[in-house]
PDB file of N, CA and C in Angstrom:
ATOM      1  N   MET A   1       1.037  -1.055  -0.267  1.00  0.00           N
ATOM      2  CA  MET A   1      -0.245   0.016  -0.047  1.00  0.00           C
ATOM      3  C   MET A   1       0.917   1.352   0.207  1.00  0.00           C
ATOM      4  N   LYS A   2       2.028   1.099   0.534  1.00  0.00           N
ATOM      5  CA  LYS A   2       2.767   2.403   0.889  1.00  0.00           C
ATOM      6  C   LYS A   2       3.575   2.480  -0.407  1.00  0.00           C
ATOM      7  N   LYS A   3       3.538   1.391  -1.220  1.00  0.00           N
ATOM      8  CA  LYS A   3       4.627   1.883  -2.621  1.00  0.00           C
ATOM      9  C   LYS A   3       3.223   2.607  -3.653  1.00  0.00           C
ATOM     10  N   ILE A   4       2.341   2.267  -3.303  1.00  0.00           N
ATOM     11  CA  ILE A   4       1.261   3.026  -4.526  1.00  0.00           C
ATOM     12  C   ILE A   4       0.650   4.466  -3.349  1.00  0.00           C
ATOM     13  N   GLY A   5       1.273   5.303  -2.503  1.00  0.00           N
ATOM     14  CA  GLY A   5       1.188   6.261  -1.959  1.00  0.00           C
ATOM     15  C   GLY A   5       0.147   6.450  -0.873  1.00  0.00           C
ATOM     16  N   VAL A   6      -0.412   5.127  -0.310  1.00  0.00           N
ATOM     17  CA  VAL A   6      -1.567   5.214   0.505  1.00  0.00           C
ATOM     18  C   VAL A   6      -0.997   5.790   1.868  1.00  0.00           C
ATOM     19  N   ALA A   7      -1.549   6.662   2.496  1.00  0.00           N
ATOM     20  CA  ALA A   7      -1.255   6.772   3.761  1.00  0.00           C
ATOM     21  C   ALA A   7      -1.185   5.573   5.128  1.00  0.00           C
ATOM     22  N   MET A   8      -0.139   5.218   5.601  1.00  0.00           N
ATOM     23  CA  MET A   8      -0.254   4.233   6.412  1.00  0.00           C
ATOM     24  C   MET A   8      -0.643   4.590   7.676  1.00  0.00           C
ATOM     25  N   ASN A   9      -0.721   5.856   8.289  1.00  0.00           N
ATOM     26  CA  ASN A   9      -1.054   5.928   9.626  1.00  0.00           C
ATOM     27  C   ASN A   9      -1.526   7.513   9.511  1.00  0.00           C
ATOM     28  N   ILE A  10      -2.115   8.284  10.677  1.00  0.00           N
ATOM     29  CA  ILE A  10      -3.116   9.409  10.164  1.00  0.00           C
ATOM     30  C   ILE A  10      -1.906  10.444  10.877  1.00  0.00           C
ATOM     31  N   SER A  11      -1.053  10.502  10.869  1.00  0.00           N
ATOM     32  CA  SER A  11       0.139  11.660  10.936  1.00  0.00           C
ATOM     33  C   SER A  11       0.590  11.586   9.730  1.00  0.00           C
ATOM     34  N   GLU A  12       0.351  10.910   8.541  1.00  0.00           N
ATOM     35  CA  GLU A  12       1.092  11.200   7.580  1.00  0.00           C
ATOM     36  C   GLU A  12      -0.170  12.055   6.894  1.00  0.00           C
ATOM     37  N   LEU A  13      -1.326  11.709   7.121  1.00  0.00           N
ATOM     38  CA  LEU A  13      -2.491  12.850   6.946  1.00  0.00           C
ATOM     39  C   LEU A  13      -2.745  14.181   7.534  1.00  0.00           C
ATOM     40  N   GLY A  14      -1.662  14.288   8.403  1.00  0.00           N
ATOM     41  CA  GLY A  14      -1.381  15.440   9.117  1.00  0.00           C
ATOM     42  C   GLY A  14      -1.964  15.797  10.505  1.00  0.00           C
ATOM     43  N   ALA A  15      -2.745  14.886  10.862  1.00  0.00           N
ATOM     44  CA  ALA A  15      -2.965  14.543  12.170  1.00  0.00           C
ATOM     45  C   ALA A  15      -2.150  14.502  13.386  1.00  0.00           C
ATOM     46  N   THR A  16      -2.230  15.428  14.352  1.00  0.00           N
ATOM     47  CA  THR A  16      -1.690  15.385  15.520  1.00  0.00           C
ATOM     48  C   THR A  16      -1.867  14.813  16.639  1.00  0.00           C
ATOM     49  N   GLU A  17      -1.332  14.754  17.871  1.00  0.00           N
ATOM     50  CA  GLU A  17      -1.613  14.273  19.323  1.00  0.00           C
ATOM     51  C   GLU A  17      -2.686  15.011  19.749  1.00  0.00           C
ATOM     52  N   ASP A  18      -2.678  16.428  19.441  1.00  0.00           N
ATOM     53  CA  ASP A  18      -3.881  17.767  19.823  1.00  0.00           C
ATOM     54  C   ASP A  18      -4.162  17.327  19.425  1.00  0.00           C
ATOM     55  N   MET A  19      -4.585  16.949  18.295  1.00  0.00           N
ATOM     56  CA  MET A  19      -6.007  16.523  17.390  1.00  0.00           C
ATOM     57  C   MET A  19      -7.172  15.866  17.715  1.00  0.00           C
ATOM     58  N   ILE A  20      -6.355  14.898  18.643  1.00  0.00           N
ATOM     59  CA  ILE A  20      -7.174  13.411  18.630  1.00  0.00           C
ATOM     60  C   ILE A  20      -8.447  13.869  19.217  1.00  0.00           C
ATOM     61  N   ASP A  21      -8.339  14.762  20.630  1.00  0.00           N
ATOM     62  CA  ASP A  21      -9.498  14.783  21.207  1.00  0.00           C
ATOM     63  C   ASP A  21     -11.017  15.365  20.234  1.00  0.00           C
ATOM     64  N   GLY A  22     -10.294  16.280  18.975  1.00  0.00           N
ATOM     65  CA  GLY A  22     -11.255  16.891  18.501  1.00  0.00           C
ATOM     66  C   GLY A  22     -11.797  16.028  17.244  1.00  0.00           C
ATOM     67  N   ILE A  23     -10.915  15.021  17.068  1.00  0.00           N
ATOM     68  CA  ILE A  23     -11.580  14.182  15.866  1.00  0.00           C
ATOM     69  C   ILE A  23     -12.531  12.886  16.671  1.00  0.00           C
ATOM     70  N   THR A  24     -12.043  12.561  18.045  1.00  0.00           N
ATOM     71  CA  THR A  24     -13.225  11.744  18.711  1.00  0.00           C
ATOM     72  C   THR A  24     -14.136  12.367  18.930  1.00  0.00           C
ATOM     73  N   GLU A  25     -14.577  13.295  19.131  1.00  0.00           N
ATOM     74  CA  GLU A  25     -15.682  14.206  19.672  1.00  0.00           C
ATOM     75  C   GLU A  25     -16.451  14.447  18.210  1.00  0.00           C
ATOM     76  N   GLY A  26     -15.818  14.433  17.204  1.00  0.00           N
ATOM     77  CA  GLY A  26     -16.304  14.303  15.789  1.00  0.00           C
ATOM     78  C   GLY A  26     -16.840  13.426  15.021  1.00  0.00           C
ATOM     79  N   THR A  27     -16.753  12.131  16.039  1.00  0.00           N
ATOM     80  CA  THR A  27     -16.766  10.725  15.505  1.00  0.00           C
ATOM     81  C   THR A  27     -18.297  10.439  15.339  1.00  0.00           C
ATOM     82  N   LEU A  28     -19.106  10.248  14.358  1.00  0.00           N
ATOM     83  CA  LEU A  28     -20.271   9.538  14.477  1.00  0.00           C
ATOM     84  C   LEU A  28     -20.185   8.118  14.774  1.00  0.00           C
ATOM     85  N   ILE A  29     -21.374   7.825  16.014  1.00  0.00           N
ATOM     86  CA  ILE A  29     -21.251   6.315  16.416  1.00  0.00           C
ATOM     87  C   ILE A  29     -22.428   6.049  15.793  1.00  0.00           C
ATOM     88  N   LEU A  30     -22.418   4.864  14.957  1.00  0.00           N
ATOM     89  CA  LEU A  30     -23.479   4.417  14.378  1.00  0.00           C
ATOM     90  C   LEU A  30     -23.788   2.839  14.964  1.00  0.00           C
ATOM     91  N   GLU A  31     -25.196   2.811  15.479  1.00  0.00           N
ATOM     92  CA  GLU A  31     -25.212   1.065  16.011  1.00  0.00           C
ATOM     93  C   GLU A  31     -25.128   0.125  14.894  1.00  0.00           C
ATOM     94  N   GLY A  32     -25.291  -1.047  15.102  1.00  0.00           N
ATOM     95  CA  GLY A  32     -25.558  -2.008  14.259  1.00  0.00           C
ATOM     96  C   GLY A  32     -24.418  -2.740  13.783  1.00  0.00           C
ATOM     97  N   GLY A  33     -22.970  -2.532  13.930  1.00  0.00           N
ATOM     98  CA  GLY A  33     -22.266  -2.636  13.128  1.00  0.00           C
ATOM     99  C   GLY A  33     -21.765  -4.176  14.019  1.00  0.00           C
ATOM    100  N   TYR A  34     -20.795  -4.720  13.419  1.00  0.00           N
ATOM    101  CA  TYR A  34     -19.841  -5.787  14.448  1.00  0.00           C
ATOM    102  C   TYR A  34     -20.083  -5.193  15.827  1.00  0.00           C
ATOM    103  N   LYS A  35     -19.408  -4.527  16.363  1.00  0.00           N
ATOM    104  CA  LYS A  35     -18.883  -3.854  17.616  1.00  0.00           C
ATOM    105  C   LYS A  35     -19.120  -2.424  17.715  1.00  0.00           C
ATOM    106  N   VAL A  36     -20.083  -1.956  18.549  1.00  0.00           N
ATOM    107  CA  VAL A  36     -20.311  -0.208  18.389  1.00  0.00           C
ATOM    108  C   VAL A  36     -18.704   0.007  19.494  1.00  0.00           C
ATOM    109  N   LEU A  37     -18.347   0.834  19.035  1.00  0.00           N
ATOM    110  CA  LEU A  37     -17.087   1.316  19.551  1.00  0.00           C
ATOM    111  C   LEU A  37     -17.815   2.846  20.747  1.00  0.00           C
ATOM    112  N   THR A  38     -17.075   2.861  21.691  1.00  0.00           N
ATOM    113  CA  THR A  38     -17.255   3.880  22.954  1.00  0.00           C
ATOM    114  C   THR A  38     -16.155   5.099  22.397  1.00  0.00           C
ATOM    115  N   LYS A  39     -16.314   6.265  22.893  1.00  0.00           N
ATOM    116  CA  LYS A  39     -15.912   7.095  22.377  1.00  0.00           C
ATOM    117  C   LYS A  39     -14.113   7.128  23.028  1.00  0.00           C
ATOM    118  N   ASP A  40     -14.088   6.121  24.577  1.00  0.00           N
ATOM    119  CA  ASP A  40     -12.903   5.682  24.660  1.00  0.00           C
ATOM    120  C   ASP A  40     -12.213   5.011  23.680  1.00  0.00           C
ATOM    121  N   GLU A  41     -12.602   4.117  23.138  1.00  0.00           N
ATOM    122  CA  GLU A  41     -12.126   3.024  22.529  1.00  0.00           C
ATOM    123  C   GLU A  41     -11.543   3.689  21.294  1.00  0.00           C
ATOM    124  N   ILE A  42     -12.611   4.711  20.112  1.00  0.00           N
ATOM    125  CA  ILE A  42     -12.049   5.399  19.170  1.00  0.00           C
ATOM    126  C   ILE A  42     -11.047   6.157  19.766  1.00  0.00           C
ATOM    127  N   ARG A  43     -10.978   7.357  20.379  1.00  0.00           N
ATOM    128  CA  ARG A  43      -9.743   7.711  21.073  1.00  0.00           C
ATOM    129  C   ARG A  43      -8.299   6.748  20.894  1.00  0.00           C
ATOM    130  N   GLN A  44      -8.376   5.396  21.771  1.00  0.00           N
ATOM    131  CA  GLN A  44      -7.385   4.695  21.581  1.00  0.00           C
ATOM    132  C   GLN A  44      -6.746   4.556  20.417  1.00  0.00           C
ATOM    133  N   VAL A  45      -7.847   4.166  19.561  1.00  0.00           N
ATOM    134  CA  VAL A  45      -7.540   3.774  17.832  1.00  0.00           C
ATOM    135  C   VAL A  45      -6.531   4.816  17.476  1.00  0.00           C
ATOM    136  N   LEU A  46      -7.334   5.718  17.440  1.00  0.00           N
ATOM    137  CA  LEU A  46      -6.720   7.160  16.979  1.00  0.00           C
ATOM    138  C   LEU A  46      -5.115   7.268  17.578  1.00  0.00           C
ATOM    139  N   ILE A  47      -5.183   7.206  18.815  1.00  0.00           N
ATOM    140  CA  ILE A  47      -3.830   7.442  19.000  1.00  0.00           C
ATOM    141  C   ILE A  47      -2.783   6.271  18.917  1.00  0.00           C
ATOM    142  N   ASN A  48      -3.241   5.132  18.486  1.00  0.00           N
ATOM    143  CA  ASN A  48      -2.428   3.752  18.030  1.00  0.00           C
ATOM    144  C   ASN A  48      -2.085   4.249  16.710  1.00  0.00           C
ATOM    145  N   SER A  49      -3.027   5.111  15.805  1.00  0.00           N
ATOM    146  CA  SER A  49      -2.818   5.105  14.567  1.00  0.00           C
ATOM    147  C   SER A  49      -1.925   6.165  14.023  1.00  0.00           C
ATOM    148  N   LEU A  50      -1.560   7.063  15.546  1.00  0.00           N
ATOM    149  CA  LEU A  50      -0.422   7.875  14.746  1.00  0.00           C
ATOM    150  C   LEU A  50       0.892   7.280  14.569  1.00  0.00           C
TER     151      LEU A  50
END
């Protein structure tokens, strides 16, 4: 994926640790998927994606 220019993490898209809370709050949580994530789980996924 990297060879064809796909971003491998969100920091490559310009996201910083300071933006994590804003991104988390702006995330729409939809019911009905495999697992509905909490805001804390979303925040952790974003941190791990930096």
